[in-house]
Amino acid sequence: MRILTVSPDRYAHHSDELAQMHRLRAMVFRGRLEWDVSVTESGEFDEYDTLDPTYILAVTEDTRVVGCARLLPAQGPTMLERTFPQLLASGSLRASPNMVESSRFCVDTTLEEARGGSQLHLATLTMFAAIIEWSMANGYDEIVTATDLRFERILNRAGWPMKRLGEPREIGNTIAIAGSLPADAKSFDRVRPMGYQSVFLHVARQNIRSAA
């Protein structure tokens, strides 16, 4: 399994992977979790996809996208402040330049059936490590997110506990929560699975091929 970091200047180059990502989001958020999200024939999209985010993708050896997350600077428009301010104790994120928002995190749970659970666990930890690594490399030391109690428990099991930014609230068919996660070397070392390859090694290889 490898990680792709897709910044806006790489959207065209990774159009197939991004198309898979939007279909994966539709399968997870509408199909499995039954969230009230906007889905078209092309997959799940929302307004924050128009703000030039960086996407983190977990990709198998056969080029199947099995995990994704979306990262945006917290000082810009964010899902927490714009869509879910009720999850914040003060109603405001009070964003700083060293803060990034992660949203639309998901992994393909059909891998659990195919690999007896181990591959799903690997995909989740690989995504956690990649998000932390990318954040640190880009000057962020805090990751904020809106998620649910189920995912909060997954973070705790992974050794990456979340600091709550407000009280849990019922939104649609889930109990949602806002939280903050550290992006630091200790957290990276705790969640990094055996055999993890740096996201920047892959970027370097891409750049070498592009220059050849």
Protein backbone atom coordinates (compact mmCIF):
# COMPACT_ATOMS: atom_id res chain seq x y z
CA MET A 1 0.00 0.00 0.00
CA ARG A 2 1.26 3.47 -0.87
CA ILE A 3 0.19 7.02 -0.14
CA LEU A 4 -0.53 9.73 -2.70
CA THR A 5 -0.64 13.39 -1.71
CA VAL A 6 -2.60 15.23 -4.38
CA SER A 7 -2.23 19.00 -4.27
CA PRO A 8 -4.18 21.25 -6.68
CA ASP A 9 -1.35 21.33 -9.20
CA ARG A 10 -1.53 17.51 -9.39
CA TYR A 11 -5.32 17.14 -9.84
CA ALA A 12 -5.09 16.54 -13.59
CA HIS A 13 -2.26 14.03 -13.23
CA HIS A 14 -4.23 12.01 -10.67
CA SER A 15 -7.72 12.42 -12.11
CA ASP A 16 -8.44 8.66 -12.02
CA GLU A 17 -7.47 8.37 -8.34
CA LEU A 18 -9.57 11.41 -7.46
CA ALA A 19 -12.55 9.96 -9.33
CA GLN A 20 -12.16 6.76 -7.30
CA MET A 21 -11.97 8.86 -4.13
CA HIS A 22 -15.29 10.57 -4.80
CA ARG A 23 -16.94 7.20 -5.48
CA LEU A 24 -15.45 5.80 -2.27
CA ARG A 25 -16.83 8.76 -0.32
CA ALA A 26 -20.28 8.14 -1.80
CA MET A 27 -20.11 4.45 -0.89
CA VAL A 28 -19.07 5.18 2.69
CA PHE A 29 -20.92 8.35 3.63
CA ARG A 30 -24.19 7.79 1.77
CA GLY A 31 -24.20 4.03 1.32
CA ARG A 32 -22.79 2.72 4.62
CA LEU A 33 -23.23 5.57 7.10
CA GLU A 34 -26.40 6.97 5.48
CA TRP A 35 -25.30 10.59 5.95
CA ASP A 36 -27.18 13.39 4.22
CA VAL A 37 -24.52 14.22 1.63
CA SER A 38 -24.68 15.32 -2.01
CA VAL A 39 -24.08 12.40 -4.35
CA THR A 40 -24.11 12.35 -8.15
CA GLU A 41 -23.26 9.62 -10.65
CA SER A 42 -19.64 10.68 -10.22
CA GLY A 43 -19.60 10.31 -6.44
CA GLU A 44 -19.81 12.51 -3.34
CA PHE A 45 -18.83 16.16 -3.54
CA ASP A 46 -19.35 19.24 -1.39
CA GLU A 47 -18.45 22.94 -1.39
CA TYR A 48 -15.09 22.35 0.29
CA ASP A 49 -13.86 20.38 -2.72
CA THR A 50 -13.91 23.67 -4.66
CA LEU A 51 -11.40 25.34 -2.31
CA ASP A 52 -8.25 23.63 -3.69
CA PRO A 53 -7.63 21.17 -0.86
CA THR A 54 -4.82 18.66 -0.70
CA TYR A 55 -6.07 15.07 -0.74
CA ILE A 56 -4.33 12.18 1.02
CA LEU A 57 -5.06 8.85 -0.68
CA ALA A 58 -4.17 5.29 0.29
CA VAL A 59 -3.69 3.20 -2.86
CA THR A 60 -3.15 -0.54 -3.20
CA GLU A 61 -0.60 -2.15 -5.51
CA ASP A 62 -3.35 -2.66 -8.09
CA THR A 63 -4.07 1.13 -8.03
CA ARG A 64 -7.29 0.88 -6.05
CA VAL A 65 -8.01 3.85 -3.78
CA VAL A 66 -8.93 2.42 -0.36
CA GLY A 67 -8.63 5.48 1.88
CA CYS A 68 -8.87 9.23 1.64
CA ALA A 69 -8.85 12.48 3.58
CA ARG A 70 -9.12 16.15 2.62
CA LEU A 71 -6.89 18.85 4.12
CA LEU A 72 -7.50 22.60 4.14
CA PRO A 73 -5.85 25.44 6.10
CA ALA A 74 -7.99 26.14 9.15
CA GLN A 75 -7.72 29.91 8.66
CA GLY A 76 -9.69 29.64 5.45
CA PRO A 77 -13.31 28.49 5.11
CA THR A 78 -13.65 25.28 7.11
CA MET A 79 -16.34 22.67 7.60
CA LEU A 80 -16.13 23.10 11.38
CA GLU A 81 -16.88 26.84 11.39
CA ARG A 82 -19.13 27.03 8.36
CA THR A 83 -21.14 23.80 8.54
CA PHE A 84 -20.81 22.53 12.13
CA PRO A 85 -20.22 25.55 14.42
CA GLN A 86 -22.58 23.96 16.96
CA LEU A 87 -19.84 21.40 17.67
CA LEU A 88 -17.48 24.12 18.93
CA ALA A 89 -17.83 25.17 22.56
CA SER A 90 -17.28 28.83 21.69
CA GLY A 91 -18.96 28.66 18.29
CA SER A 92 -15.61 29.64 16.75
CA LEU A 93 -12.55 27.62 15.81
CA ARG A 94 -10.09 30.41 16.68
CA ALA A 95 -7.83 29.13 13.96
CA SER A 96 -4.11 29.79 13.87
CA PRO A 97 -1.59 29.54 11.01
CA ASN A 98 -0.29 26.22 12.40
CA MET A 99 -3.71 24.53 12.23
CA VAL A 100 -5.12 22.43 9.38
CA GLU A 101 -8.59 20.91 9.03
CA SER A 102 -9.03 17.28 8.02
CA SER A 103 -12.38 16.17 6.64
CA ARG A 104 -13.99 13.40 4.63
CA PHE A 105 -11.73 10.73 6.13
CA CYS A 106 -12.78 7.22 5.17
CA VAL A 107 -11.41 3.79 4.31
CA ASP A 108 -12.89 0.97 2.27
CA THR A 109 -14.38 -1.44 4.79
CA THR A 110 -14.81 -4.18 2.17
CA LEU A 111 -11.10 -4.84 2.73
CA GLU A 112 -12.01 -6.14 6.17
CA GLU A 113 -13.99 -8.95 4.61
CA ALA A 114 -11.29 -9.73 2.06
CA ARG A 115 -8.30 -9.61 4.43
CA GLY A 116 -9.76 -10.65 7.78
CA GLY A 117 -9.47 -7.16 9.21
CA SER A 118 -5.70 -6.71 8.99
CA GLN A 119 -5.72 -4.73 5.74
CA LEU A 120 -8.40 -2.34 7.01
CA HIS A 121 -6.32 -1.71 10.11
CA LEU A 122 -3.28 -1.08 7.94
CA ALA A 123 -5.16 1.35 5.71
CA THR A 124 -6.42 3.33 8.70
CA LEU A 125 -3.01 3.57 10.38
CA THR A 126 -1.31 4.36 7.08
CA MET A 127 -3.73 7.25 6.53
CA PHE A 128 -3.19 8.53 10.09
CA ALA A 129 0.58 8.49 9.63
CA ALA A 130 0.40 10.20 6.24
CA ILE A 131 -1.85 12.99 7.52
CA ILE A 132 0.52 13.66 10.42
CA GLU A 133 3.60 13.51 8.20
CA TRP A 134 2.13 15.86 5.59
CA SER A 135 0.95 18.28 8.28
CA MET A 136 4.36 18.48 9.96
CA ALA A 137 6.14 18.94 6.63
CA ASN A 138 3.83 21.83 5.74
CA GLY A 139 4.20 23.74 9.00
CA TYR A 140 1.13 22.49 10.86
CA ASP A 141 1.25 21.08 14.38
CA GLU A 142 -2.50 20.79 15.03
CA ILE A 143 -5.21 19.00 13.05
CA VAL A 144 -8.87 19.80 13.69
CA THR A 145 -11.81 17.76 12.51
CA ALA A 146 -15.52 17.10 12.83
CA THR A 147 -16.16 13.40 13.30
CA ASP A 148 -18.32 11.04 15.34
CA LEU A 149 -17.99 9.04 18.54
CA ARG A 150 -17.22 5.83 16.65
CA PHE A 151 -14.21 7.41 14.97
CA GLU A 152 -13.11 9.02 18.24
CA ARG A 153 -12.83 5.48 19.66
CA ILE A 154 -10.75 4.38 16.66
CA LEU A 155 -8.34 7.27 17.28
CA ASN A 156 -8.01 6.27 20.92
CA ARG A 157 -7.24 2.66 19.98
CA ALA A 158 -4.61 3.88 17.53
CA GLY A 159 -2.85 5.81 20.30
CA TRP A 160 -3.75 9.19 18.79
CA PRO A 161 -6.36 10.57 21.22
CA MET A 162 -8.41 13.58 20.24
CA LYS A 163 -8.94 16.65 22.42
CA ARG A 164 -12.61 17.58 22.28
CA LEU A 165 -13.48 21.12 21.21
CA GLY A 166 -17.09 20.89 22.39
CA GLU A 167 -19.78 18.53 23.54
CA PRO A 168 -21.11 15.69 21.35
CA ARG A 169 -24.29 16.60 19.48
CA GLU A 170 -26.77 14.63 17.44
CA ILE A 171 -26.55 15.56 13.77
CA GLY A 172 -28.69 13.51 11.42
CA ASN A 173 -28.27 9.85 12.33
CA THR A 174 -24.94 10.19 14.16
CA ILE A 175 -23.48 11.68 17.34
CA ALA A 176 -20.93 14.18 16.09
CA ILE A 177 -17.95 15.67 17.89
CA ALA A 178 -15.28 18.26 17.06
CA GLY A 179 -11.72 17.67 18.12
CA SER A 180 -8.07 18.58 17.84
CA LEU A 181 -5.21 16.16 17.17
CA PRO A 182 -1.47 16.77 17.54
CA ALA A 183 0.72 16.61 14.45
CA ASP A 184 4.06 15.76 16.00
CA ALA A 185 6.80 13.15 15.88
CA LYS A 186 5.51 11.26 18.92
CA SER A 187 2.05 10.84 17.39
CA PHE A 188 3.58 9.83 14.05
CA ASP A 189 5.73 7.16 15.68
CA ARG A 190 2.74 5.74 17.60
CA VAL A 191 0.42 5.37 14.62
CA ARG A 192 2.94 4.53 11.88
CA PRO A 193 2.44 0.90 10.81
CA MET A 194 5.32 -1.46 10.08
CA GLY A 195 6.57 -0.98 6.54
CA TYR A 196 5.16 2.55 6.22
CA GLN A 197 6.77 4.47 3.35
CA SER A 198 7.12 8.22 3.62
CA VAL A 199 4.68 10.14 1.45
CA PHE A 200 7.58 12.33 0.37
CA LEU A 201 9.61 9.43 -0.96
CA HIS A 202 6.80 8.83 -3.45
CA VAL A 203 6.59 12.52 -4.33
CA ALA A 204 10.34 12.57 -4.95
CA ARG A 205 10.05 9.57 -7.28
CA GLN A 206 7.25 11.30 -9.19
CA ASN A 207 9.35 14.43 -9.63
CA ILE A 208 12.32 12.40 -10.87
CA ARG A 209 10.14 10.66 -13.47
CA SER A 210 8.59 13.98 -14.54
CA ALA A 211 12.04 15.49 -15.09
CA ALA A 212 13.33 12.51 -17.07
